[in-house]
Each structure stands twice: as structure tokens, then as C-alpha cells.
Amino acid sequence: MKHITILAFSALVLASCGQKEKTKDTVVTANTESKDLALNLDSNAGIINNANSPHVAFKSIDMGDCQWTEGFWADKFKIAETKMVPYVRSLLTGDTGHALNNFKIAAGLKEGEHKGMHWHDGDFYKFMEATMYVYAQNKDEALLKEIDSYIDIIGKAQEKDGYLQTQIQLNKDRSRYENRKFT
């Protein structure tokens, strides 16, 4: 059922937006030594650029090529933009959800201990992703500045070897490689 919903949604997007004339071609080149494909994508390419794939029936469109201005999907986007993303922000960046606080503590920007569920980091990343999808549609520069501030904090929380998982970093009695779910 989920696949049918995704296909119906894709068909709706393609039918409602059509294909925009491209000013730059997406170039696919084959490296004869390694047989790997390298994609030269322009900066506003879709999430998944399958424009040159012979294996898909529906081709993706670039971010920003389609905007819902009325109807069912416009209503759903407006709810996400004005209600859902702000609500999740209030939870994850405040003291209720504590997710951003965990990153700040790991970055040394705040005192405290890890609070919340072991998947809080992932929840925060998904919130950031949703915020970027909203930004891709409304181009609200405040959202971009907000995300940049989170990226700065997360970058400071990341350890020198690249490790980043606040639940483990803020609980020194835990090992990176133990089952975090049961600790």
C-alpha cells in the first residue's frame, strides 16, 4: 500500500508540474578504468537525480521546479510550514525535548547531562531535514540561518575522529560499540 501511495504522489507531482526545460544538462560519464559512473549534478538537482536512468518509469524533478499554490498538497505543505515544523522546533530546541541541548553539552557550549531518548540525535536531524524542505519551497532566509547555527553546534559536538552520538559522548560509562538501546 505504501508503494502505491508513493507512486500516486509521484504521478501527481509530475502531472501538476510537468517537466521544466533544462538550461544545463546533467552529464553522466563512465570511468573506463573503474567502470564507476560519476554524476555531474547542478546545484538545484532533485533529491534523487534519476534523469538519465533507463530503470525508472517516473523521473524526478529539481527542487523548486514545483510549488503547490492551491488544493490538497498546498494545504498539507502550509500545515507543515506553519504548524508542524515550528511545533517540532519548540520541542527539540527547548528543554522539553532537549535534543539541541544534548548537542550543546557535547560541544562544550552548555553544562548538563544527556536527557531524552537514545534516538534524539536522529530526531533532530530529521527536524533539520524537514526545515530544509520548507526552505526549499519558501526561501525564508531565517530558516537557512537557523540551520547554519545548528550545523555549527553539531560540528563542535563531533569528536576529532568523526564520532558523533550525544548519548554515548555524554555518558562516559558507555562504550561507542555497545547496544545503545539497552544501556
C-alpha atoms as a PDB file:
ATOM      1  CA  MET A   1       0.000   0.000   0.000  1.00  0.00           C
ATOM      2  CA  LYS A   2       2.863   2.370   0.861  1.00  0.00           C
ATOM      3  CA  HIS A   3       4.377   1.917  -2.607  1.00  0.00           C
ATOM      4  CA  ILE A   4       1.060   2.711  -4.261  1.00  0.00           C
ATOM      5  CA  THR A   5       0.785   5.911  -2.225  1.00  0.00           C
ATOM      6  CA  ILE A   6       4.329   6.944  -3.208  1.00  0.00           C
ATOM      7  CA  LEU A   7       3.649   6.194  -6.881  1.00  0.00           C
ATOM      8  CA  ALA A   8       0.373   8.127  -6.790  1.00  0.00           C
ATOM      9  CA  PHE A   9       2.109  11.066  -5.120  1.00  0.00           C
ATOM     10  CA  SER A  10       4.916  10.975  -7.713  1.00  0.00           C
ATOM     11  CA  ALA A  11       2.409  10.893 -10.543  1.00  0.00           C
ATOM     12  CA  LEU A  12       0.562  13.836  -9.011  1.00  0.00           C
ATOM     13  CA  VAL A  13       3.757  15.863  -8.742  1.00  0.00           C
ATOM     14  CA  LEU A  14       4.771  15.064 -12.311  1.00  0.00           C
ATOM     15  CA  ALA A  15       1.321  15.789 -13.676  1.00  0.00           C
ATOM     16  CA  SER A  16       0.898  19.023 -11.740  1.00  0.00           C
ATOM     17  CA  CYS A  17       4.321  20.437 -12.530  1.00  0.00           C
ATOM     18  CA  GLY A  18       5.290  18.954 -15.838  1.00  0.00           C
ATOM     19  CA  GLN A  19       8.896  18.932 -16.965  1.00  0.00           C
ATOM     20  CA  LYS A  20      10.749  22.232 -16.924  1.00  0.00           C
ATOM     21  CA  GLU A  21      13.086  22.991 -19.790  1.00  0.00           C
ATOM     22  CA  LYS A  22      16.625  22.469 -18.519  1.00  0.00           C
ATOM     23  CA  THR A  23      19.303  25.088 -19.098  1.00  0.00           C
ATOM     24  CA  LYS A  24      22.114  22.742 -18.028  1.00  0.00           C
ATOM     25  CA  ASP A  25      22.354  19.113 -18.976  1.00  0.00           C
ATOM     26  CA  THR A  26      23.151  16.525 -16.391  1.00  0.00           C
ATOM     27  CA  VAL A  27      26.228  14.747 -17.594  1.00  0.00           C
ATOM     28  CA  VAL A  28      26.897  11.080 -16.943  1.00  0.00           C
ATOM     29  CA  THR A  29      30.410   9.906 -17.755  1.00  0.00           C
ATOM     30  CA  ALA A  30      31.892   6.452 -17.451  1.00  0.00           C
ATOM     31  CA  ASN A  31      35.358   5.965 -15.994  1.00  0.00           C
ATOM     32  CA  THR A  32      36.760   3.205 -18.166  1.00  0.00           C
ATOM     33  CA  GLU A  33      39.337   2.110 -15.578  1.00  0.00           C
ATOM     34  CA  SER A  34      36.989   1.645 -12.624  1.00  0.00           C
ATOM     35  CA  LYS A  35      33.703   1.288 -14.517  1.00  0.00           C
ATOM     36  CA  ASP A  36      32.147   3.675 -11.976  1.00  0.00           C
ATOM     37  CA  LEU A  37      29.617   6.267 -13.020  1.00  0.00           C
ATOM     38  CA  ALA A  38      30.189   9.867 -11.990  1.00  0.00           C
ATOM     39  CA  LEU A  39      27.300  12.303 -12.000  1.00  0.00           C
ATOM     40  CA  ASN A  40      27.893  15.981 -12.638  1.00  0.00           C
ATOM     41  CA  LEU A  41      24.847  17.491 -10.949  1.00  0.00           C
ATOM     42  CA  ASP A  42      23.942  21.165 -10.945  1.00  0.00           C
ATOM     43  CA  SER A  43      23.301  22.762  -7.568  1.00  0.00           C
ATOM     44  CA  ASN A  44      19.491  22.624  -7.651  1.00  0.00           C
ATOM     45  CA  ALA A  45      19.098  18.987  -8.664  1.00  0.00           C
ATOM     46  CA  GLY A  46      16.358  16.900  -7.166  1.00  0.00           C
ATOM     47  CA  ILE A  47      16.840  14.777  -4.079  1.00  0.00           C
ATOM     48  CA  ILE A  48      17.398  11.743  -6.269  1.00  0.00           C
ATOM     49  CA  ASN A  49      18.576  12.595  -9.765  1.00  0.00           C
ATOM     50  CA  ASN A  50      17.368   9.735 -11.927  1.00  0.00           C
ATOM     51  CA  ALA A  51      17.024  11.808 -15.108  1.00  0.00           C
ATOM     52  CA  ASN A  52      19.342   9.539 -17.095  1.00  0.00           C
ATOM     53  CA  SER A  53      18.315   6.209 -15.599  1.00  0.00           C
ATOM     54  CA  PRO A  54      16.714   3.742 -18.007  1.00  0.00           C
ATOM     55  CA  HIS A  55      15.411   1.771 -14.994  1.00  0.00           C
ATOM     56  CA  VAL A  56      12.733   4.129 -13.666  1.00  0.00           C
ATOM     57  CA  ALA A  57       9.306   4.967 -15.003  1.00  0.00           C
ATOM     58  CA  PHE A  58       8.937   8.292 -13.170  1.00  0.00           C
ATOM     59  CA  LYS A  59      11.731  10.836 -13.436  1.00  0.00           C
ATOM     60  CA  SER A  60      12.495  13.165 -10.543  1.00  0.00           C
ATOM     61  CA  ILE A  61      12.271  16.905 -10.897  1.00  0.00           C
ATOM     62  CA  ASP A  62      14.580  19.519  -9.440  1.00  0.00           C
ATOM     63  CA  MET A  63      13.866  21.095  -6.063  1.00  0.00           C
ATOM     64  CA  GLY A  64      11.925  24.274  -6.630  1.00  0.00           C
ATOM     65  CA  ASP A  65      10.536  23.214 -10.027  1.00  0.00           C
ATOM     66  CA  CYS A  66       7.159  22.608  -8.438  1.00  0.00           C
ATOM     67  CA  GLN A  67       5.203  24.583  -5.887  1.00  0.00           C
ATOM     68  CA  TRP A  68       1.695  23.829  -4.760  1.00  0.00           C
ATOM     69  CA  THR A  69      -0.346  27.007  -4.748  1.00  0.00           C
ATOM     70  CA  GLU A  70      -3.780  25.575  -4.002  1.00  0.00           C
ATOM     71  CA  GLY A  71      -5.560  22.354  -3.234  1.00  0.00           C
ATOM     72  CA  PHE A  72      -4.819  19.303  -1.110  1.00  0.00           C
ATOM     73  CA  TRP A  73      -0.994  19.295  -1.266  1.00  0.00           C
ATOM     74  CA  ALA A  74      -0.755  23.089  -0.875  1.00  0.00           C
ATOM     75  CA  ASP A  75      -2.859  22.760   2.278  1.00  0.00           C
ATOM     76  CA  LYS A  76      -0.636  19.943   3.606  1.00  0.00           C
ATOM     77  CA  PHE A  77       2.534  21.920   2.892  1.00  0.00           C
ATOM     78  CA  LYS A  78       1.132  25.019   4.613  1.00  0.00           C
ATOM     79  CA  ILE A  79       0.362  22.920   7.707  1.00  0.00           C
ATOM     80  CA  ALA A  80       3.910  21.553   7.708  1.00  0.00           C
ATOM     81  CA  GLU A  81       5.361  25.045   7.230  1.00  0.00           C
ATOM     82  CA  THR A  82       3.247  26.899   9.792  1.00  0.00           C
ATOM     83  CA  LYS A  83       2.364  24.241  12.380  1.00  0.00           C
ATOM     84  CA  MET A  84       4.391  21.031  12.252  1.00  0.00           C
ATOM     85  CA  VAL A  85       7.952  22.350  11.792  1.00  0.00           C
ATOM     86  CA  PRO A  86       7.511  25.173  14.355  1.00  0.00           C
ATOM     87  CA  TYR A  87       5.992  22.740  16.865  1.00  0.00           C
ATOM     88  CA  VAL A  88       8.786  20.198  16.458  1.00  0.00           C
ATOM     89  CA  ARG A  89      11.294  23.065  16.735  1.00  0.00           C
ATOM     90  CA  SER A  90       9.732  24.111  20.051  1.00  0.00           C
ATOM     91  CA  LEU A  91      10.082  20.561  21.357  1.00  0.00           C
ATOM     92  CA  LEU A  92      13.584  19.702  20.163  1.00  0.00           C
ATOM     93  CA  THR A  93      15.307  23.048  20.720  1.00  0.00           C
ATOM     94  CA  GLY A  94      13.861  23.716  24.166  1.00  0.00           C
ATOM     95  CA  ASP A  95      14.024  21.968  27.489  1.00  0.00           C
ATOM     96  CA  THR A  96      11.119  19.611  26.740  1.00  0.00           C
ATOM     97  CA  GLY A  97      12.814  17.526  24.077  1.00  0.00           C
ATOM     98  CA  HIS A  98      16.361  18.536  24.997  1.00  0.00           C
ATOM     99  CA  ALA A  99      17.835  17.322  21.673  1.00  0.00           C
ATOM    100  CA  LEU A 100      19.628  20.565  20.794  1.00  0.00           C
ATOM    101  CA  ASN A 101      20.759  20.891  24.411  1.00  0.00           C
ATOM    102  CA  ASN A 102      22.433  17.470  24.113  1.00  0.00           C
ATOM    103  CA  PHE A 103      24.470  18.743  21.152  1.00  0.00           C
ATOM    104  CA  LYS A 104      25.323  21.963  23.020  1.00  0.00           C
ATOM    105  CA  ILE A 105      26.509  19.987  26.036  1.00  0.00           C
ATOM    106  CA  ALA A 106      28.598  17.674  23.845  1.00  0.00           C
ATOM    107  CA  ALA A 107      30.054  20.767  22.134  1.00  0.00           C
ATOM    108  CA  GLY A 108      31.024  22.293  25.482  1.00  0.00           C
ATOM    109  CA  LEU A 109      28.629  25.208  24.985  1.00  0.00           C
ATOM    110  CA  LYS A 110      26.379  24.287  27.894  1.00  0.00           C
ATOM    111  CA  GLU A 111      26.616  22.433  31.193  1.00  0.00           C
ATOM    112  CA  GLY A 112      24.443  19.421  31.882  1.00  0.00           C
ATOM    113  CA  GLU A 113      23.838  15.780  31.123  1.00  0.00           C
ATOM    114  CA  HIS A 114      22.182  13.870  28.315  1.00  0.00           C
ATOM    115  CA  LYS A 115      18.414  13.874  28.561  1.00  0.00           C
ATOM    116  CA  GLY A 116      15.818  12.270  26.380  1.00  0.00           C
ATOM    117  CA  MET A 117      15.605   9.115  24.349  1.00  0.00           C
ATOM    118  CA  HIS A 118      18.559   7.386  22.731  1.00  0.00           C
ATOM    119  CA  TRP A 119      17.278   8.346  19.262  1.00  0.00           C
ATOM    120  CA  HIS A 120      17.113  12.093  19.962  1.00  0.00           C
ATOM    121  CA  ASP A 121      20.055  12.916  17.675  1.00  0.00           C
ATOM    122  CA  GLY A 122      18.234  11.267  14.766  1.00  0.00           C
ATOM    123  CA  ASP A 123      15.021  13.111  15.583  1.00  0.00           C
ATOM    124  CA  PHE A 124      16.930  16.374  15.447  1.00  0.00           C
ATOM    125  CA  TYR A 125      18.493  15.519  12.075  1.00  0.00           C
ATOM    126  CA  LYS A 126      15.037  14.735  10.653  1.00  0.00           C
ATOM    127  CA  PHE A 127      13.735  18.047  12.019  1.00  0.00           C
ATOM    128  CA  MET A 128      16.621  19.801  10.238  1.00  0.00           C
ATOM    129  CA  GLU A 129      15.750  17.929   7.022  1.00  0.00           C
ATOM    130  CA  ALA A 130      12.086  18.967   7.261  1.00  0.00           C
ATOM    131  CA  THR A 131      13.157  22.563   7.846  1.00  0.00           C
ATOM    132  CA  MET A 132      15.296  22.439   4.696  1.00  0.00           C
ATOM    133  CA  TYR A 133      12.383  21.093   2.654  1.00  0.00           C
ATOM    134  CA  VAL A 134      10.311  24.052   3.852  1.00  0.00           C
ATOM    135  CA  TYR A 135      13.186  26.402   2.988  1.00  0.00           C
ATOM    136  CA  ALA A 136      13.452  24.866  -0.491  1.00  0.00           C
ATOM    137  CA  GLN A 137       9.872  25.991  -1.110  1.00  0.00           C
ATOM    138  CA  ASN A 138       9.559  29.311   0.705  1.00  0.00           C
ATOM    139  CA  LYS A 139      13.187  30.589   0.565  1.00  0.00           C
ATOM    140  CA  ASP A 140      12.861  32.085   4.065  1.00  0.00           C
ATOM    141  CA  GLU A 141      16.444  33.148   4.844  1.00  0.00           C
ATOM    142  CA  ALA A 142      15.731  32.913   8.588  1.00  0.00           C
ATOM    143  CA  LEU A 143      15.371  29.142   8.193  1.00  0.00           C
ATOM    144  CA  LEU A 144      18.732  28.929   6.455  1.00  0.00           C
ATOM    145  CA  LYS A 145      20.417  30.916   9.247  1.00  0.00           C
ATOM    146  CA  GLU A 146      18.727  28.695  11.823  1.00  0.00           C
ATOM    147  CA  ILE A 147      20.018  25.524  10.152  1.00  0.00           C
ATOM    148  CA  ASP A 148      23.510  27.026   9.834  1.00  0.00           C
ATOM    149  CA  SER A 149      23.535  27.698  13.588  1.00  0.00           C
ATOM    150  CA  TYR A 150      22.587  24.065  14.277  1.00  0.00           C
ATOM    151  CA  ILE A 151      25.287  22.818  11.898  1.00  0.00           C
ATOM    152  CA  ASP A 152      27.841  24.925  13.767  1.00  0.00           C
ATOM    153  CA  ILE A 153      26.805  23.429  17.124  1.00  0.00           C
ATOM    154  CA  ILE A 154      26.754  19.869  15.766  1.00  0.00           C
ATOM    155  CA  GLY A 155      30.178  20.401  14.176  1.00  0.00           C
ATOM    156  CA  LYS A 156      31.565  21.437  17.556  1.00  0.00           C
ATOM    157  CA  ALA A 157      29.979  18.390  19.208  1.00  0.00           C
ATOM    158  CA  GLN A 158      31.594  15.981  16.762  1.00  0.00           C
ATOM    159  CA  GLU A 159      34.749  14.344  18.091  1.00  0.00           C
ATOM    160  CA  LYS A 160      38.084  14.686  16.283  1.00  0.00           C
ATOM    161  CA  ASP A 161      37.817  11.179  14.822  1.00  0.00           C
ATOM    162  CA  GLY A 162      34.358  11.954  13.441  1.00  0.00           C
ATOM    163  CA  TYR A 163      32.288  10.193  16.089  1.00  0.00           C
ATOM    164  CA  LEU A 164      29.012  11.866  16.975  1.00  0.00           C
ATOM    165  CA  GLN A 165      26.350  10.325  19.209  1.00  0.00           C
ATOM    166  CA  THR A 166      25.466  12.507  22.150  1.00  0.00           C
ATOM    167  CA  GLN A 167      24.002   9.747  24.283  1.00  0.00           C
ATOM    168  CA  ILE A 168      27.361   7.969  24.294  1.00  0.00           C
ATOM    169  CA  GLN A 169      29.532  11.080  24.378  1.00  0.00           C
ATOM    170  CA  LEU A 170      27.750  12.493  27.424  1.00  0.00           C
ATOM    171  CA  ASN A 171      27.768   9.208  29.356  1.00  0.00           C
ATOM    172  CA  LYS A 172      31.401   8.282  29.873  1.00  0.00           C
ATOM    173  CA  ASP A 173      30.462   4.899  31.333  1.00  0.00           C
ATOM    174  CA  ARG A 174      29.115   3.818  27.943  1.00  0.00           C
ATOM    175  CA  SER A 175      31.084   2.364  25.076  1.00  0.00           C
ATOM    176  CA  ARG A 176      30.665   3.527  21.499  1.00  0.00           C
ATOM    177  CA  TYR A 177      30.071  -0.002  20.350  1.00  0.00           C
ATOM    178  CA  GLU A 178      27.655  -1.365  22.914  1.00  0.00           C
ATOM    179  CA  ASN A 179      23.963  -1.779  22.256  1.00  0.00           C
ATOM    180  CA  ARG A 180      22.764   1.774  22.984  1.00  0.00           C
ATOM    181  CA  LYS A 181      19.162   0.643  23.099  1.00  0.00           C
ATOM    182  CA  PHE A 182      19.635  -1.273  26.313  1.00  0.00           C
ATOM    183  CA  THR A 183      22.059   0.938  28.209  1.00  0.00           C
END
